[in-house]
Structures are given as structure tokens and as C-alpha cells.
Amino acid sequence: MKIKVINPNTTESMTKKIGEAARAVAAPGTEILACNPTMGPVSIEGHYDEAISVLGMLEEVRKGEKDGVDGYVIACFGDPGLLAAREIARGPVIGIAEAAMHAASFIATGFSIVTTLARTCVIARQLVENYGMTRFCRNIRATDLAVLELEEEGSNARRIITEECRRALLEDQSGAIVLGCAGMADLTSQISREIGAPVIDGVAAAVKFVEALVGLGLGTSKVGDLAYPLVKTYTGILHPFAPSSKK
């Protein structure tokens, strides 16, 4: 099985961390291909960043289809371009926010999301509603850490995130924590030990869900709105992204 894990931003150190988290949980025989686009923002911290990042992420899915990839993980907590990626992929495509929230709902009656900047909480709230997780999500808590602070050696990011997770358990009466950024993928085990509760990284959860779906022989439905895009001409600099008749 070949799973492509796509970090939609262009920061390679984060991609490396994400790849390590994915490989740590992958089953024997599962090949993890961790990558990031060569174009786009260095971090994704708002609606504009997300919108710009989607084209680079979709290009990685297009490459994966040519390379025979079995499934994909979109490793950004905003799940940017998720439905568009499903349109062009044969196999399953899972976003890490979607995966983490569903995993949390299996093991707790309520969870809190601990994320980075406060401005991204609106995006997370929209996803909670879209995924039908409103009755499970007790709160969305910002640490006001910039995404790239998670990449800085010697920063206080881990301590700040851990303290916010501990407060979430007490103040929100949550039974589990969802980490709201792919850049936190390496923190789950340590934080879980320190706070004494399950801490869920969406990268790891999404990899296991993709493995399960591929193992069941299930790919993205090509009936209805997730059918392959209609073949048509795209103009200007987007000409190379025009849908092809090749499936």
C-alpha cells in the first residue's frame, strides 16, 4: 500500500516531522510518501493562505495518481481542498482535522481542540459543524503560537501547548484532546503522558483510516459530486491544471 501524505505548506522541516509521525503508525508494508508543494505559503494561518495552498496540494495529488498512489492524507488542520482532491483521486483522501475529530469521538464523549493562532479557530469551528462534530467538540482553544514557532529549536511551544491541553481537560470537561496543527504531530505521546488523557494527532489518525479504507477495497465514489471533474479548458496560468479525460 502506498499512501501520500501531503503537507500543503512549503516548509520542508514540517514535512519531515509529518512524515516521521505517519511512518511511526503505518502498518508493515505501507509505504509513506511525505511531500510538500514547491509553490505556496510557508505556513497556513488563515483563509487566504488556505486558498492559495490548494493548487500546490492538488498538483501533488495529480502526481500521485500518475504514480499509482493508493490513498492520500492532507496534513493541514484546515483540510484545504479536501473535496477537490477527492474529485481527482481514485483512492480515499482524508483530512487530518476530519480524522482527528472522528477518532476522538470514538474514545470520548467530548473533546477540545488545541490549536495555534486565534484567527484559525473560526476555520476549525466551521469544520466541526461540517463534520457533524458539534455535540462532541466542547471547545476550540488557541495558544496564539505561530505555526513556524513549532519548528524553532528551544521554543516554549511544547510547554504552552501542554498547559493549554491541561486547562482544556479541567475547564471544558473534555475526555480527549485534538491537536489542531500538523506541526504538533510529534507532541502527542509526551503531552498525553503529562496530562493523563488521550491526545490525538490527525496525521497518525488519517494514515490509519486510509489504510483501513484501502484494505476494505474502498476508494472515492465517482458517482455524483465527487465524479472526476468535467473536461474543459482552463485559461492563463491555470492552463496546466485543466482536467484531463485520462482517469
C-alpha atoms as a PDB file:
ATOM      1  CA  MET A   1       0.000   0.000   0.000  1.00  0.00           C
ATOM      2  CA  LYS A   2       1.295   3.441  -0.934  1.00  0.00           C
ATOM      3  CA  ILE A   3      -0.019   6.487   0.964  1.00  0.00           C
ATOM      4  CA  LYS A   4       0.955  10.016   0.027  1.00  0.00           C
ATOM      5  CA  VAL A   5       0.960  12.430   2.968  1.00  0.00           C
ATOM      6  CA  ILE A   6       0.822  15.999   1.672  1.00  0.00           C
ATOM      7  CA  ASN A   7       1.841  18.975   3.780  1.00  0.00           C
ATOM      8  CA  PRO A   8       0.125  21.804   1.858  1.00  0.00           C
ATOM      9  CA  ASN A   9       2.657  24.408   3.007  1.00  0.00           C
ATOM     10  CA  THR A  10       6.211  24.593   1.683  1.00  0.00           C
ATOM     11  CA  THR A  11       8.182  24.215   4.935  1.00  0.00           C
ATOM     12  CA  GLU A  12      10.296  21.097   4.494  1.00  0.00           C
ATOM     13  CA  SER A  13      11.188  20.698   8.185  1.00  0.00           C
ATOM     14  CA  MET A  14       7.492  20.363   8.967  1.00  0.00           C
ATOM     15  CA  THR A  15       7.064  17.857   6.148  1.00  0.00           C
ATOM     16  CA  LYS A  16       9.863  15.761   7.632  1.00  0.00           C
ATOM     17  CA  LYS A  17       8.175  15.795  11.052  1.00  0.00           C
ATOM     18  CA  ILE A  18       4.838  14.877   9.499  1.00  0.00           C
ATOM     19  CA  GLY A  19       6.420  12.010   7.568  1.00  0.00           C
ATOM     20  CA  GLU A  20       8.013  10.630  10.727  1.00  0.00           C
ATOM     21  CA  ALA A  21       4.672  10.710  12.550  1.00  0.00           C
ATOM     22  CA  ALA A  22       2.990   8.917   9.660  1.00  0.00           C
ATOM     23  CA  ARG A  23       5.645   6.210   9.406  1.00  0.00           C
ATOM     24  CA  ALA A  24       5.547   5.614  13.163  1.00  0.00           C
ATOM     25  CA  VAL A  25       1.970   4.282  12.923  1.00  0.00           C
ATOM     26  CA  ALA A  26       1.955   2.814   9.406  1.00  0.00           C
ATOM     27  CA  ALA A  27       1.466  -0.927   9.136  1.00  0.00           C
ATOM     28  CA  PRO A  28       4.258  -3.153   7.798  1.00  0.00           C
ATOM     29  CA  GLY A  29       4.110  -2.978   4.024  1.00  0.00           C
ATOM     30  CA  THR A  30       2.643   0.537   3.943  1.00  0.00           C
ATOM     31  CA  GLU A  31       4.900   2.988   2.145  1.00  0.00           C
ATOM     32  CA  ILE A  32       4.565   6.594   3.291  1.00  0.00           C
ATOM     33  CA  LEU A  33       5.439   9.286   0.755  1.00  0.00           C
ATOM     34  CA  ALA A  34       5.654  12.598   2.622  1.00  0.00           C
ATOM     35  CA  CYS A  35       5.851  15.695   0.457  1.00  0.00           C
ATOM     36  CA  ASN A  36       5.026  19.373   0.162  1.00  0.00           C
ATOM     37  CA  PRO A  37       4.351  21.581  -2.862  1.00  0.00           C
ATOM     38  CA  THR A  38       7.103  23.695  -4.366  1.00  0.00           C
ATOM     39  CA  MET A  39       4.767  26.696  -4.505  1.00  0.00           C
ATOM     40  CA  GLY A  40       2.593  28.319  -1.873  1.00  0.00           C
ATOM     41  CA  PRO A  41       2.777  29.733   1.654  1.00  0.00           C
ATOM     42  CA  VAL A  42       5.413  28.636   4.183  1.00  0.00           C
ATOM     43  CA  SER A  43       2.622  28.229   6.748  1.00  0.00           C
ATOM     44  CA  ILE A  44      -1.169  28.206   6.607  1.00  0.00           C
ATOM     45  CA  GLU A  45      -2.777  30.556   9.101  1.00  0.00           C
ATOM     46  CA  GLY A  46      -5.930  31.924   7.513  1.00  0.00           C
ATOM     47  CA  HIS A  47      -8.457  31.718   4.703  1.00  0.00           C
ATOM     48  CA  TYR A  48      -6.167  33.329   2.131  1.00  0.00           C
ATOM     49  CA  ASP A  49      -3.242  31.021   2.945  1.00  0.00           C
ATOM     50  CA  GLU A  50      -5.569  28.041   2.632  1.00  0.00           C
ATOM     51  CA  ALA A  51      -6.966  29.146  -0.722  1.00  0.00           C
ATOM     52  CA  ILE A  52      -3.508  29.745  -2.188  1.00  0.00           C
ATOM     53  CA  SER A  53      -2.188  26.424  -0.866  1.00  0.00           C
ATOM     54  CA  VAL A  54      -4.846  24.324  -2.573  1.00  0.00           C
ATOM     55  CA  LEU A  55      -3.353  24.409  -6.076  1.00  0.00           C
ATOM     56  CA  GLY A  56       0.019  23.126  -4.901  1.00  0.00           C
ATOM     57  CA  MET A  57      -1.678  20.387  -2.873  1.00  0.00           C
ATOM     58  CA  LEU A  58      -3.831  19.334  -5.841  1.00  0.00           C
ATOM     59  CA  GLU A  59      -0.751  19.146  -8.046  1.00  0.00           C
ATOM     60  CA  GLU A  60       0.722  16.632  -5.593  1.00  0.00           C
ATOM     61  CA  VAL A  61      -2.473  14.564  -5.837  1.00  0.00           C
ATOM     62  CA  ARG A  62      -2.274  14.679  -9.633  1.00  0.00           C
ATOM     63  CA  LYS A  63       1.300  13.413  -9.457  1.00  0.00           C
ATOM     64  CA  GLY A  64       0.228  10.695  -7.045  1.00  0.00           C
ATOM     65  CA  GLU A  65      -2.429   9.451  -9.440  1.00  0.00           C
ATOM     66  CA  LYS A  66       0.222   9.035 -12.130  1.00  0.00           C
ATOM     67  CA  ASP A  67       2.480   7.212  -9.637  1.00  0.00           C
ATOM     68  CA  GLY A  68      -0.155   4.707  -8.541  1.00  0.00           C
ATOM     69  CA  VAL A  69      -0.715   6.061  -5.020  1.00  0.00           C
ATOM     70  CA  ASP A  70      -3.450   4.180  -3.140  1.00  0.00           C
ATOM     71  CA  GLY A  71      -4.620   6.973  -0.820  1.00  0.00           C
ATOM     72  CA  TYR A  72      -3.829  10.441   0.469  1.00  0.00           C
ATOM     73  CA  VAL A  73      -3.626  12.411   3.704  1.00  0.00           C
ATOM     74  CA  ILE A  74      -3.970  16.197   3.628  1.00  0.00           C
ATOM     75  CA  ALA A  75      -1.748  17.243   6.526  1.00  0.00           C
ATOM     76  CA  CYS A  76      -3.142  20.658   7.444  1.00  0.00           C
ATOM     77  CA  PHE A  77      -5.811  21.092  10.107  1.00  0.00           C
ATOM     78  CA  GLY A  78      -7.920  23.278   7.824  1.00  0.00           C
ATOM     79  CA  ASP A  79      -8.287  20.291   5.448  1.00  0.00           C
ATOM     80  CA  PRO A  80      -7.761  22.678   2.479  1.00  0.00           C
ATOM     81  CA  GLY A  81      -9.089  21.486  -0.853  1.00  0.00           C
ATOM     82  CA  LEU A  82     -10.329  18.180   0.579  1.00  0.00           C
ATOM     83  CA  LEU A  83     -13.356  17.735  -1.683  1.00  0.00           C
ATOM     84  CA  ALA A  84     -11.449  18.924  -4.761  1.00  0.00           C
ATOM     85  CA  ALA A  85      -8.737  16.364  -4.023  1.00  0.00           C
ATOM     86  CA  ARG A  86     -11.386  13.655  -3.739  1.00  0.00           C
ATOM     87  CA  GLU A  87     -12.693  14.576  -7.177  1.00  0.00           C
ATOM     88  CA  ILE A  88      -9.364  13.824  -8.851  1.00  0.00           C
ATOM     89  CA  ALA A  89      -8.287  10.814  -6.744  1.00  0.00           C
ATOM     90  CA  ARG A  90      -9.254   7.200  -7.245  1.00  0.00           C
ATOM     91  CA  GLY A  91      -8.434   6.181  -3.699  1.00  0.00           C
ATOM     92  CA  PRO A  92      -9.522   7.677  -0.364  1.00  0.00           C
ATOM     93  CA  VAL A  93      -8.429  11.167   0.657  1.00  0.00           C
ATOM     94  CA  ILE A  94      -8.575  12.027   4.360  1.00  0.00           C
ATOM     95  CA  GLY A  95      -8.004  15.393   6.017  1.00  0.00           C
ATOM     96  CA  ILE A  96      -6.286  15.420   9.391  1.00  0.00           C
ATOM     97  CA  ALA A  97      -8.966  17.530  11.107  1.00  0.00           C
ATOM     98  CA  GLU A  98     -11.657  15.167   9.878  1.00  0.00           C
ATOM     99  CA  ALA A  99      -9.660  12.123  11.016  1.00  0.00           C
ATOM    100  CA  ALA A 100      -8.733  13.511  14.435  1.00  0.00           C
ATOM    101  CA  MET A 101     -12.269  14.580  15.307  1.00  0.00           C
ATOM    102  CA  HIS A 102     -13.763  11.245  14.325  1.00  0.00           C
ATOM    103  CA  ALA A 103     -11.086   9.354  16.235  1.00  0.00           C
ATOM    104  CA  ALA A 104     -11.754  11.491  19.329  1.00  0.00           C
ATOM    105  CA  SER A 105     -15.493  10.832  19.090  1.00  0.00           C
ATOM    106  CA  PHE A 106     -14.793   7.084  19.249  1.00  0.00           C
ATOM    107  CA  ILE A 107     -12.959   7.284  22.576  1.00  0.00           C
ATOM    108  CA  ALA A 108     -14.544  10.204  24.459  1.00  0.00           C
ATOM    109  CA  THR A 109     -17.939  11.844  24.805  1.00  0.00           C
ATOM    110  CA  GLY A 110     -16.327  15.237  24.410  1.00  0.00           C
ATOM    111  CA  PHE A 111     -13.055  16.655  23.121  1.00  0.00           C
ATOM    112  CA  SER A 112     -11.284  20.003  22.956  1.00  0.00           C
ATOM    113  CA  ILE A 113      -9.211  21.230  20.033  1.00  0.00           C
ATOM    114  CA  VAL A 114      -5.958  22.972  20.938  1.00  0.00           C
ATOM    115  CA  THR A 115      -4.615  24.937  18.002  1.00  0.00           C
ATOM    116  CA  THR A 116      -2.248  27.767  17.090  1.00  0.00           C
ATOM    117  CA  LEU A 117      -3.428  31.316  16.328  1.00  0.00           C
ATOM    118  CA  ALA A 118      -6.838  32.539  17.492  1.00  0.00           C
ATOM    119  CA  ARG A 119      -7.756  33.574  13.951  1.00  0.00           C
ATOM    120  CA  THR A 120      -7.754  29.918  12.864  1.00  0.00           C
ATOM    121  CA  CYS A 121     -10.421  28.973  15.428  1.00  0.00           C
ATOM    122  CA  VAL A 122     -13.125  30.155  13.020  1.00  0.00           C
ATOM    123  CA  ILE A 123     -11.885  27.695  10.397  1.00  0.00           C
ATOM    124  CA  ALA A 124     -11.799  24.884  12.949  1.00  0.00           C
ATOM    125  CA  ARG A 125     -15.338  25.727  14.087  1.00  0.00           C
ATOM    126  CA  GLN A 126     -16.600  25.550  10.508  1.00  0.00           C
ATOM    127  CA  LEU A 127     -15.055  22.097  10.156  1.00  0.00           C
ATOM    128  CA  VAL A 128     -16.591  20.934  13.440  1.00  0.00           C
ATOM    129  CA  GLU A 129     -20.000  21.880  12.047  1.00  0.00           C
ATOM    130  CA  ASN A 130     -19.345  20.427   8.590  1.00  0.00           C
ATOM    131  CA  TYR A 131     -18.231  17.090  10.036  1.00  0.00           C
ATOM    132  CA  GLY A 132     -21.207  16.797  12.391  1.00  0.00           C
ATOM    133  CA  MET A 133     -18.968  17.039  15.457  1.00  0.00           C
ATOM    134  CA  THR A 134     -20.760  19.872  17.248  1.00  0.00           C
ATOM    135  CA  ARG A 135     -22.104  17.635  20.013  1.00  0.00           C
ATOM    136  CA  PHE A 136     -18.623  16.210  20.681  1.00  0.00           C
ATOM    137  CA  CYS A 137     -16.475  19.350  20.469  1.00  0.00           C
ATOM    138  CA  ARG A 138     -16.517  21.107  23.829  1.00  0.00           C
ATOM    139  CA  ASN A 139     -14.193  23.957  22.903  1.00  0.00           C
ATOM    140  CA  ILE A 140     -11.590  25.238  20.451  1.00  0.00           C
ATOM    141  CA  ARG A 141      -8.648  26.780  22.271  1.00  0.00           C
ATOM    142  CA  ALA A 142      -5.919  28.956  20.734  1.00  0.00           C
ATOM    143  CA  THR A 143      -2.379  29.103  22.067  1.00  0.00           C
ATOM    144  CA  ASP A 144      -1.535  32.114  19.888  1.00  0.00           C
ATOM    145  CA  LEU A 145       1.571  30.343  18.680  1.00  0.00           C
ATOM    146  CA  ALA A 146       2.506  30.952  15.058  1.00  0.00           C
ATOM    147  CA  VAL A 147       2.806  27.708  13.107  1.00  0.00           C
ATOM    148  CA  LEU A 148       6.505  28.216  12.417  1.00  0.00           C
ATOM    149  CA  GLU A 149       7.215  28.622  16.146  1.00  0.00           C
ATOM    150  CA  LEU A 150       6.623  24.873  16.337  1.00  0.00           C
ATOM    151  CA  GLU A 151       9.713  24.446  14.153  1.00  0.00           C
ATOM    152  CA  GLU A 152      12.021  26.571  16.297  1.00  0.00           C
ATOM    153  CA  GLU A 153      14.599  24.763  18.414  1.00  0.00           C
ATOM    154  CA  GLY A 154      14.350  25.707  22.070  1.00  0.00           C
ATOM    155  CA  SER A 155      10.993  27.476  21.813  1.00  0.00           C
ATOM    156  CA  ASN A 156       8.380  27.293  24.568  1.00  0.00           C
ATOM    157  CA  ALA A 157       5.809  25.869  22.168  1.00  0.00           C
ATOM    158  CA  ARG A 158       5.571  22.397  23.725  1.00  0.00           C
ATOM    159  CA  ARG A 159       5.139  23.803  27.240  1.00  0.00           C
ATOM    160  CA  ILE A 160       2.487  26.294  26.108  1.00  0.00           C
ATOM    161  CA  ILE A 161       0.535  23.615  24.230  1.00  0.00           C
ATOM    162  CA  THR A 162       0.742  21.176  27.144  1.00  0.00           C
ATOM    163  CA  GLU A 163      -0.554  23.760  29.609  1.00  0.00           C
ATOM    164  CA  GLU A 164      -3.459  24.609  27.299  1.00  0.00           C
ATOM    165  CA  CYS A 165      -4.309  20.906  26.951  1.00  0.00           C
ATOM    166  CA  ARG A 166      -4.329  20.528  30.731  1.00  0.00           C
ATOM    167  CA  ARG A 167      -6.639  23.525  31.108  1.00  0.00           C
ATOM    168  CA  ALA A 168      -8.944  22.089  28.451  1.00  0.00           C
ATOM    169  CA  LEU A 169      -9.484  18.907  30.447  1.00  0.00           C
ATOM    170  CA  LEU A 170     -10.360  20.844  33.587  1.00  0.00           C
ATOM    171  CA  GLU A 171     -12.307  23.791  32.183  1.00  0.00           C
ATOM    172  CA  ASP A 172     -14.071  22.134  29.235  1.00  0.00           C
ATOM    173  CA  GLN A 173     -14.639  18.777  30.960  1.00  0.00           C
ATOM    174  CA  SER A 174     -13.263  17.062  27.884  1.00  0.00           C
ATOM    175  CA  GLY A 175     -12.078  13.479  27.832  1.00  0.00           C
ATOM    176  CA  ALA A 176      -9.639  13.851  24.938  1.00  0.00           C
ATOM    177  CA  ILE A 177      -7.561  16.479  23.174  1.00  0.00           C
ATOM    178  CA  VAL A 178      -7.292  17.024  19.430  1.00  0.00           C
ATOM    179  CA  LEU A 179      -4.134  18.845  18.369  1.00  0.00           C
ATOM    180  CA  GLY A 180      -5.126  21.436  15.791  1.00  0.00           C
ATOM    181  CA  CYS A 181      -1.994  21.649  13.653  1.00  0.00           C
ATOM    182  CA  ALA A 182       0.071  19.130  11.691  1.00  0.00           C
ATOM    183  CA  GLY A 183       3.168  20.808  13.122  1.00  0.00           C
ATOM    184  CA  MET A 184       2.209  19.339  16.520  1.00  0.00           C
ATOM    185  CA  ALA A 185       2.394  15.767  15.209  1.00  0.00           C
ATOM    186  CA  ASP A 186       5.469  14.924  17.271  1.00  0.00           C
ATOM    187  CA  LEU A 187       3.975  16.033  20.596  1.00  0.00           C
ATOM    188  CA  THR A 188       1.121  13.578  21.190  1.00  0.00           C
ATOM    189  CA  SER A 189       2.789  10.894  23.278  1.00  0.00           C
ATOM    190  CA  GLN A 190       4.616  13.281  25.583  1.00  0.00           C
ATOM    191  CA  ILE A 191       1.598  15.519  26.173  1.00  0.00           C
ATOM    192  CA  SER A 192      -0.672  12.514  26.730  1.00  0.00           C
ATOM    193  CA  ARG A 193       1.659  11.202  29.429  1.00  0.00           C
ATOM    194  CA  GLU A 194       1.850  14.588  31.121  1.00  0.00           C
ATOM    195  CA  ILE A 195      -1.891  15.299  31.213  1.00  0.00           C
ATOM    196  CA  GLY A 196      -3.105  11.712  31.668  1.00  0.00           C
ATOM    197  CA  ALA A 197      -5.617  11.756  28.800  1.00  0.00           C
ATOM    198  CA  PRO A 198      -5.722  10.739  25.127  1.00  0.00           C
ATOM    199  CA  VAL A 199      -4.128  13.262  22.767  1.00  0.00           C
ATOM    200  CA  ILE A 200      -4.879  12.781  19.090  1.00  0.00           C
ATOM    201  CA  ASP A 201      -2.723  13.805  16.150  1.00  0.00           C
ATOM    202  CA  GLY A 202      -4.672  13.920  12.920  1.00  0.00           C
ATOM    203  CA  VAL A 203      -1.726  12.802  10.776  1.00  0.00           C
ATOM    204  CA  ALA A 204      -1.471   9.448  12.530  1.00  0.00           C
ATOM    205  CA  ALA A 205      -5.255   9.005  12.664  1.00  0.00           C
ATOM    206  CA  ALA A 206      -5.646   9.812   8.962  1.00  0.00           C
ATOM    207  CA  VAL A 207      -2.956   7.307   7.951  1.00  0.00           C
ATOM    208  CA  LYS A 208      -4.759   4.530   9.829  1.00  0.00           C
ATOM    209  CA  PHE A 209      -8.123   5.480   8.310  1.00  0.00           C
ATOM    210  CA  VAL A 210      -6.636   5.445   4.799  1.00  0.00           C
ATOM    211  CA  GLU A 211      -5.091   2.036   5.477  1.00  0.00           C
ATOM    212  CA  ALA A 212      -8.466   0.723   6.642  1.00  0.00           C
ATOM    213  CA  LEU A 213     -10.369   2.061   3.635  1.00  0.00           C
ATOM    214  CA  VAL A 214      -7.818   0.770   1.128  1.00  0.00           C
ATOM    215  CA  GLY A 215      -7.770  -2.583   2.947  1.00  0.00           C
ATOM    216  CA  LEU A 216     -11.547  -2.745   2.565  1.00  0.00           C
ATOM    217  CA  GLY A 217     -11.194  -2.089  -1.154  1.00  0.00           C
ATOM    218  CA  LEU A 218     -12.920   1.289  -0.867  1.00  0.00           C
ATOM    219  CA  GLY A 219     -11.987   4.318  -2.927  1.00  0.00           C
ATOM    220  CA  THR A 220     -13.614   7.688  -3.508  1.00  0.00           C
ATOM    221  CA  SER A 221     -17.062   7.359  -5.075  1.00  0.00           C
ATOM    222  CA  LYS A 222     -17.179   8.566  -8.648  1.00  0.00           C
ATOM    223  CA  VAL A 223     -20.961   8.884  -8.630  1.00  0.00           C
ATOM    224  CA  GLY A 224     -22.385  12.364  -8.159  1.00  0.00           C
ATOM    225  CA  ASP A 225     -20.450  15.374  -6.959  1.00  0.00           C
ATOM    226  CA  LEU A 226     -17.151  13.524  -6.441  1.00  0.00           C
ATOM    227  CA  ALA A 227     -17.069  12.255 -10.027  1.00  0.00           C
ATOM    228  CA  TYR A 228     -13.976  13.275 -11.961  1.00  0.00           C
ATOM    229  CA  PRO A 229     -14.004  16.987 -12.948  1.00  0.00           C
ATOM    230  CA  LEU A 230     -15.577  17.868 -16.281  1.00  0.00           C
ATOM    231  CA  VAL A 231     -13.040  18.152 -19.065  1.00  0.00           C
ATOM    232  CA  LYS A 232     -12.721  21.751 -20.156  1.00  0.00           C
ATOM    233  CA  THR A 233     -10.151  24.415 -20.980  1.00  0.00           C
ATOM    234  CA  TYR A 234      -8.561  26.466 -18.203  1.00  0.00           C
ATOM    235  CA  THR A 235      -7.025  29.753 -19.305  1.00  0.00           C
ATOM    236  CA  GLY A 236      -3.980  31.785 -18.350  1.00  0.00           C
ATOM    237  CA  ILE A 237      -1.527  30.498 -15.754  1.00  0.00           C
ATOM    238  CA  LEU A 238      -4.038  27.814 -14.704  1.00  0.00           C
ATOM    239  CA  HIS A 239      -3.961  26.101 -18.103  1.00  0.00           C
ATOM    240  CA  PRO A 240      -1.790  23.200 -16.794  1.00  0.00           C
ATOM    241  CA  PHE A 241      -4.460  22.415 -14.149  1.00  0.00           C
ATOM    242  CA  ALA A 242      -7.193  21.768 -16.707  1.00  0.00           C
ATOM    243  CA  PRO A 243      -8.974  18.419 -16.091  1.00  0.00           C
ATOM    244  CA  SER A 244      -7.908  15.653 -18.437  1.00  0.00           C
ATOM    245  CA  SER A 245     -10.001  12.832 -19.882  1.00  0.00           C
ATOM    246  CA  LYS A 246      -7.382  10.384 -18.540  1.00  0.00           C
ATOM    247  CA  LYS A 247      -8.519   8.638 -15.360  1.00  0.00           C
END
